[in-house]
Amino acid sequence: MNIKNQTEKEIQEKIRKVDGAMSQEGMPLTKELKQKLYNCIIGKSSTELERKKIIEKYRGIYG
């Protein structure tokens, strides 16, 4: 099996685990959040950058 496919499979498993844990708390992940997680895992984005985007979004809404 191709290493890239194994890596993709591992990434999807990580996202499924996070989604499962969040679902147990009544907060399943949206497709958008799953994509953000994926981007962080592959290095396309970072948790710090995504956190900053969320803070700016809600700061703009709630002041």
PDB file of N, CA and C in Angstrom:
ATOM      1  N   MET A   1       0.830  -1.196   0.000  1.00  0.00           N
ATOM      2  CA  MET A   1       0.000   0.000   0.000  1.00  0.00           C
ATOM      3  C   MET A   1       0.867   1.249   0.000  1.00  0.00           C
ATOM      4  N   ASN A   2       0.434   2.253  -0.671  1.00  0.00           N
ATOM      5  CA  ASN A   2       1.145   3.515  -0.790  1.00  0.00           C
ATOM      6  C   ASN A   2       1.186   4.237   0.565  1.00  0.00           C
ATOM      7  N   ILE A   3       2.343   4.807   0.895  1.00  0.00           N
ATOM      8  CA  ILE A   3       2.487   5.525   2.161  1.00  0.00           C
ATOM      9  C   ILE A   3       1.525   6.705   2.223  1.00  0.00           C
ATOM     10  N   LYS A   4       1.344   7.394   1.086  1.00  0.00           N
ATOM     11  CA  LYS A   4       0.433   8.541   1.059  1.00  0.00           C
ATOM     12  C   LYS A   4      -0.986   8.108   1.407  1.00  0.00           C
ATOM     13  N   ASN A   5      -1.431   6.968   0.886  1.00  0.00           N
ATOM     14  CA  ASN A   5      -2.762   6.466   1.206  1.00  0.00           C
ATOM     15  C   ASN A   5      -2.876   6.113   2.681  1.00  0.00           C
ATOM     16  N   GLN A   6      -1.825   5.518   3.238  1.00  0.00           N
ATOM     17  CA  GLN A   6      -1.851   5.196   4.661  1.00  0.00           C
ATOM     18  C   GLN A   6      -1.935   6.475   5.491  1.00  0.00           C
ATOM     19  N   THR A   7      -1.194   7.467   5.076  1.00  0.00           N
ATOM     20  CA  THR A   7      -1.215   8.740   5.788  1.00  0.00           C
ATOM     21  C   THR A   7      -2.612   9.365   5.708  1.00  0.00           C
ATOM     22  N   GLU A   8      -3.208   9.340   4.524  1.00  0.00           N
ATOM     23  CA  GLU A   8      -4.565   9.874   4.356  1.00  0.00           C
ATOM     24  C   GLU A   8      -5.537   9.104   5.244  1.00  0.00           C
ATOM     25  N   LYS A   9      -5.388   7.804   5.293  1.00  0.00           N
ATOM     26  CA  LYS A   9      -6.250   6.965   6.122  1.00  0.00           C
ATOM     27  C   LYS A   9      -6.080   7.324   7.605  1.00  0.00           C
ATOM     28  N   GLU A  10      -4.854   7.536   8.014  1.00  0.00           N
ATOM     29  CA  GLU A  10      -4.588   7.917   9.405  1.00  0.00           C
ATOM     30  C   GLU A  10      -5.184   9.289   9.726  1.00  0.00           C
ATOM     31  N   ILE A  11      -5.062  10.204   8.793  1.00  0.00           N
ATOM     32  CA  ILE A  11      -5.635  11.543   8.988  1.00  0.00           C
ATOM     33  C   ILE A  11      -7.145  11.446   9.166  1.00  0.00           C
ATOM     34  N   GLN A  12      -7.791  10.702   8.285  1.00  0.00           N
ATOM     35  CA  GLN A  12      -9.247  10.561   8.370  1.00  0.00           C
ATOM     36  C   GLN A  12      -9.660   9.878   9.669  1.00  0.00           C
ATOM     37  N   GLU A  13      -8.853   8.928  10.144  1.00  0.00           N
ATOM     38  CA  GLU A  13      -9.154   8.253  11.419  1.00  0.00           C
ATOM     39  C   GLU A  13      -9.052   9.237  12.582  1.00  0.00           C
ATOM     40  N   LYS A  14      -8.054  10.099  12.560  1.00  0.00           N
ATOM     41  CA  LYS A  14      -7.918  11.118  13.614  1.00  0.00           C
ATOM     42  C   LYS A  14      -9.144  12.026  13.635  1.00  0.00           C
ATOM     43  N   ILE A  15      -9.571  12.452  12.468  1.00  0.00           N
ATOM     44  CA  ILE A  15     -10.735  13.339  12.377  1.00  0.00           C
ATOM     45  C   ILE A  15     -11.986  12.613  12.854  1.00  0.00           C
ATOM     46  N   ARG A  16     -12.125  11.334  12.506  1.00  0.00           N
ATOM     47  CA  ARG A  16     -13.283  10.545  12.982  1.00  0.00           C
ATOM     48  C   ARG A  16     -13.291  10.431  14.506  1.00  0.00           C
ATOM     49  N   LYS A  17     -12.111  10.264  15.087  1.00  0.00           N
ATOM     50  CA  LYS A  17     -12.028  10.156  16.549  1.00  0.00           C
ATOM     51  C   LYS A  17     -12.450  11.460  17.224  1.00  0.00           C
ATOM     52  N   VAL A  18     -11.974  12.582  16.693  1.00  0.00           N
ATOM     53  CA  VAL A  18     -12.358  13.889  17.251  1.00  0.00           C
ATOM     54  C   VAL A  18     -13.860  14.099  17.083  1.00  0.00           C
ATOM     55  N   ASP A  19     -14.378  13.772  15.900  1.00  0.00           N
ATOM     56  CA  ASP A  19     -15.809  13.925  15.647  1.00  0.00           C
ATOM     57  C   ASP A  19     -16.622  13.043  16.586  1.00  0.00           C
ATOM     58  N   GLY A  20     -16.157  11.825  16.822  1.00  0.00           N
ATOM     59  CA  GLY A  20     -16.859  10.925  17.734  1.00  0.00           C
ATOM     60  C   GLY A  20     -16.904  11.468  19.150  1.00  0.00           C
ATOM     61  N   ALA A  21     -15.780  11.990  19.615  1.00  0.00           N
ATOM     62  CA  ALA A  21     -15.726  12.556  20.964  1.00  0.00           C
ATOM     63  C   ALA A  21     -16.634  13.777  21.080  1.00  0.00           C
ATOM     64  N   MET A  22     -16.609  14.622  20.072  1.00  0.00           N
ATOM     65  CA  MET A  22     -17.461  15.813  20.096  1.00  0.00           C
ATOM     66  C   MET A  22     -18.938  15.436  19.981  1.00  0.00           C
ATOM     67  N   SER A  23     -19.240  14.415  19.198  1.00  0.00           N
ATOM     68  CA  SER A  23     -20.627  13.954  19.047  1.00  0.00           C
ATOM     69  C   SER A  23     -21.182  13.450  20.370  1.00  0.00           C
ATOM     70  N   GLN A  24     -20.339  12.790  21.157  1.00  0.00           N
ATOM     71  CA  GLN A  24     -20.781  12.309  22.471  1.00  0.00           C
ATOM     72  C   GLN A  24     -21.196  13.454  23.374  1.00  0.00           C
ATOM     73  N   GLU A  25     -20.617  14.618  23.140  1.00  0.00           N
ATOM     74  CA  GLU A  25     -20.962  15.805  23.924  1.00  0.00           C
ATOM     75  C   GLU A  25     -22.078  16.614  23.259  1.00  0.00           C
ATOM     76  N   GLY A  26     -22.629  16.084  22.176  1.00  0.00           N
ATOM     77  CA  GLY A  26     -23.719  16.771  21.494  1.00  0.00           C
ATOM     78  C   GLY A  26     -23.264  17.866  20.545  1.00  0.00           C
ATOM     79  N   MET A  27     -21.972  17.825  20.170  1.00  0.00           N
ATOM     80  CA  MET A  27     -21.431  18.862  19.293  1.00  0.00           C
ATOM     81  C   MET A  27     -20.648  18.236  18.136  1.00  0.00           C
ATOM     82  N   PRO A  28     -21.335  17.533  17.238  1.00  0.00           N
ATOM     83  CA  PRO A  28     -20.609  16.915  16.120  1.00  0.00           C
ATOM     84  C   PRO A  28     -19.966  17.977  15.234  1.00  0.00           C
ATOM     85  N   LEU A  29     -18.873  17.607  14.596  1.00  0.00           N
ATOM     86  CA  LEU A  29     -18.157  18.540  13.737  1.00  0.00           C
ATOM     87  C   LEU A  29     -18.903  18.771  12.421  1.00  0.00           C
ATOM     88  N   THR A  30     -18.863  20.000  11.970  1.00  0.00           N
ATOM     89  CA  THR A  30     -19.419  20.325  10.660  1.00  0.00           C
ATOM     90  C   THR A  30     -18.361  19.970   9.604  1.00  0.00           C
ATOM     91  N   LYS A  31     -18.780  19.960   8.343  1.00  0.00           N
ATOM     92  CA  LYS A  31     -17.826  19.714   7.258  1.00  0.00           C
ATOM     93  C   LYS A  31     -16.731  20.773   7.264  1.00  0.00           C
ATOM     94  N   GLU A  32     -17.108  22.002   7.566  1.00  0.00           N
ATOM     95  CA  GLU A  32     -16.140  23.101   7.606  1.00  0.00           C
ATOM     96  C   GLU A  32     -15.080  22.859   8.687  1.00  0.00           C
ATOM     97  N   LEU A  33     -15.509  22.439   9.872  1.00  0.00           N
ATOM     98  CA  LEU A  33     -14.554  22.169  10.945  1.00  0.00           C
ATOM     99  C   LEU A  33     -13.671  20.973  10.623  1.00  0.00           C
ATOM    100  N   LYS A  34     -14.244  19.954   9.996  1.00  0.00           N
ATOM    101  CA  LYS A  34     -13.445  18.796   9.594  1.00  0.00           C
ATOM    102  C   LYS A  34     -12.375  19.215   8.599  1.00  0.00           C
ATOM    103  N   GLN A  35     -12.719  20.119   7.680  1.00  0.00           N
ATOM    104  CA  GLN A  35     -11.749  20.602   6.696  1.00  0.00           C
ATOM    105  C   GLN A  35     -10.653  21.407   7.375  1.00  0.00           C
ATOM    106  N   LYS A  36     -11.022  22.219   8.369  1.00  0.00           N
ATOM    107  CA  LYS A  36     -10.013  22.985   9.107  1.00  0.00           C
ATOM    108  C   LYS A  36      -9.062  22.056   9.844  1.00  0.00           C
ATOM    109  N   LEU A  37      -9.599  21.014  10.468  1.00  0.00           N
ATOM    110  CA  LEU A  37      -8.747  20.030  11.136  1.00  0.00           C
ATOM    111  C   LEU A  37      -7.805  19.377  10.141  1.00  0.00           C
ATOM    112  N   TYR A  38      -8.348  18.986   9.006  1.00  0.00           N
ATOM    113  CA  TYR A  38      -7.556  18.343   7.960  1.00  0.00           C
ATOM    114  C   TYR A  38      -6.412  19.263   7.531  1.00  0.00           C
ATOM    115  N   ASN A  39      -6.730  20.523   7.279  1.00  0.00           N
ATOM    116  CA  ASN A  39      -5.710  21.489   6.859  1.00  0.00           C
ATOM    117  C   ASN A  39      -4.618  21.663   7.909  1.00  0.00           C
ATOM    118  N   CYS A  40      -4.994  21.639   9.176  1.00  0.00           N
ATOM    119  CA  CYS A  40      -4.004  21.748  10.250  1.00  0.00           C
ATOM    120  C   CYS A  40      -3.115  20.504  10.287  1.00  0.00           C
ATOM    121  N   ILE A  41      -3.709  19.355  10.141  1.00  0.00           N
ATOM    122  CA  ILE A  41      -2.950  18.108  10.198  1.00  0.00           C
ATOM    123  C   ILE A  41      -1.946  18.014   9.053  1.00  0.00           C
ATOM    124  N   ILE A  42      -2.341  18.432   7.854  1.00  0.00           N
ATOM    125  CA  ILE A  42      -1.433  18.318   6.706  1.00  0.00           C
ATOM    126  C   ILE A  42      -0.465  19.494   6.617  1.00  0.00           C
ATOM    127  N   GLY A  43      -0.622  20.490   7.480  1.00  0.00           N
ATOM    128  CA  GLY A  43       0.299  21.615   7.499  1.00  0.00           C
ATOM    129  C   GLY A  43      -0.093  22.769   6.600  1.00  0.00           C
ATOM    130  N   LYS A  44      -1.263  22.706   6.014  1.00  0.00           N
ATOM    131  CA  LYS A  44      -1.747  23.792   5.152  1.00  0.00           C
ATOM    132  C   LYS A  44      -2.140  25.014   5.981  1.00  0.00           C
ATOM    133  N   SER A  45      -2.486  24.774   7.234  1.00  0.00           N
ATOM    134  CA  SER A  45      -2.852  25.822   8.173  1.00  0.00           C
ATOM    135  C   SER A  45      -2.261  25.429   9.523  1.00  0.00           C
ATOM    136  N   SER A  46      -2.518  26.226  10.530  1.00  0.00           N
ATOM    137  CA  SER A  46      -2.058  25.890  11.880  1.00  0.00           C
ATOM    138  C   SER A  46      -3.184  26.149  12.875  1.00  0.00           C
ATOM    139  N   THR A  47      -3.076  25.519  14.012  1.00  0.00           N
ATOM    140  CA  THR A  47      -4.105  25.725  15.034  1.00  0.00           C
ATOM    141  C   THR A  47      -4.086  27.170  15.506  1.00  0.00           C
ATOM    142  N   GLU A  48      -2.900  27.775  15.558  1.00  0.00           N
ATOM    143  CA  GLU A  48      -2.800  29.159  15.992  1.00  0.00           C
ATOM    144  C   GLU A  48      -3.522  30.085  15.009  1.00  0.00           C
ATOM    145  N   LEU A  49      -3.320  29.846  13.722  1.00  0.00           N
ATOM    146  CA  LEU A  49      -3.968  30.674  12.703  1.00  0.00           C
ATOM    147  C   LEU A  49      -5.481  30.497  12.738  1.00  0.00           C
ATOM    148  N   GLU A  50      -5.947  29.276  12.845  1.00  0.00           N
ATOM    149  CA  GLU A  50      -7.390  29.013  12.887  1.00  0.00           C
ATOM    150  C   GLU A  50      -8.014  29.613  14.143  1.00  0.00           C
ATOM    151  N   ARG A  51      -7.321  29.520  15.257  1.00  0.00           N
ATOM    152  CA  ARG A  51      -7.800  30.115  16.509  1.00  0.00           C
ATOM    153  C   ARG A  51      -7.920  31.633  16.353  1.00  0.00           C
ATOM    154  N   LYS A  52      -6.911  32.248  15.747  1.00  0.00           N
ATOM    155  CA  LYS A  52      -6.921  33.691  15.530  1.00  0.00           C
ATOM    156  C   LYS A  52      -8.112  34.103  14.657  1.00  0.00           C
ATOM    157  N   LYS A  53      -8.381  33.330  13.605  1.00  0.00           N
ATOM    158  CA  LYS A  53      -9.514  33.622  12.718  1.00  0.00           C
ATOM    159  C   LYS A  53     -10.836  33.584  13.482  1.00  0.00           C
ATOM    160  N   ILE A  54     -10.997  32.582  14.354  1.00  0.00           N
ATOM    161  CA  ILE A  54     -12.235  32.438  15.122  1.00  0.00           C
ATOM    162  C   ILE A  54     -12.396  33.602  16.097  1.00  0.00           C
ATOM    163  N   ILE A  55     -11.314  33.954  16.788  1.00  0.00           N
ATOM    164  CA  ILE A  55     -11.370  35.068  17.739  1.00  0.00           C
ATOM    165  C   ILE A  55     -11.740  36.356  17.023  1.00  0.00           C
ATOM    166  N   GLU A  56     -11.120  36.612  15.865  1.00  0.00           N
ATOM    167  CA  GLU A  56     -11.433  37.822  15.104  1.00  0.00           C
ATOM    168  C   GLU A  56     -12.882  37.826  14.629  1.00  0.00           C
ATOM    169  N   LYS A  57     -13.359  36.675  14.188  1.00  0.00           N
ATOM    170  CA  LYS A  57     -14.749  36.573  13.728  1.00  0.00           C
ATOM    171  C   LYS A  57     -15.727  36.941  14.840  1.00  0.00           C
ATOM    172  N   TYR A  58     -15.555  36.336  15.998  1.00  0.00           N
ATOM    173  CA  TYR A  58     -16.505  36.582  17.089  1.00  0.00           C
ATOM    174  C   TYR A  58     -16.273  37.912  17.786  1.00  0.00           C
ATOM    175  N   ARG A  59     -15.069  38.421  17.733  1.00  0.00           N
ATOM    176  CA  ARG A  59     -14.817  39.760  18.269  1.00  0.00           C
ATOM    177  C   ARG A  59     -15.575  40.781  17.424  1.00  0.00           C
ATOM    178  N   GLY A  60     -15.613  40.543  16.117  1.00  0.00           N
ATOM    179  CA  GLY A  60     -16.347  41.430  15.226  1.00  0.00           C
ATOM    180  C   GLY A  60     -17.855  41.369  15.454  1.00  0.00           C
ATOM    181  N   ILE A  61     -18.335  40.200  15.832  1.00  0.00           N
ATOM    182  CA  ILE A  61     -19.764  40.032  16.078  1.00  0.00           C
ATOM    183  C   ILE A  61     -20.164  40.568  17.448  1.00  0.00           C
ATOM    184  N   TYR A  62     -19.386  40.222  18.466  1.00  0.00           N
ATOM    185  CA  TYR A  62     -19.771  40.544  19.857  1.00  0.00           C
ATOM    186  C   TYR A  62     -18.995  41.679  20.472  1.00  0.00           C
ATOM    187  N   GLY A  63     -18.019  42.203  19.757  1.00  0.00           N
ATOM    188  CA  GLY A  63     -17.263  43.350  20.260  1.00  0.00           C
ATOM    189  C   GLY A  63     -16.207  42.985  21.154  1.00  0.00           C
TER     190      GLY A  63
END
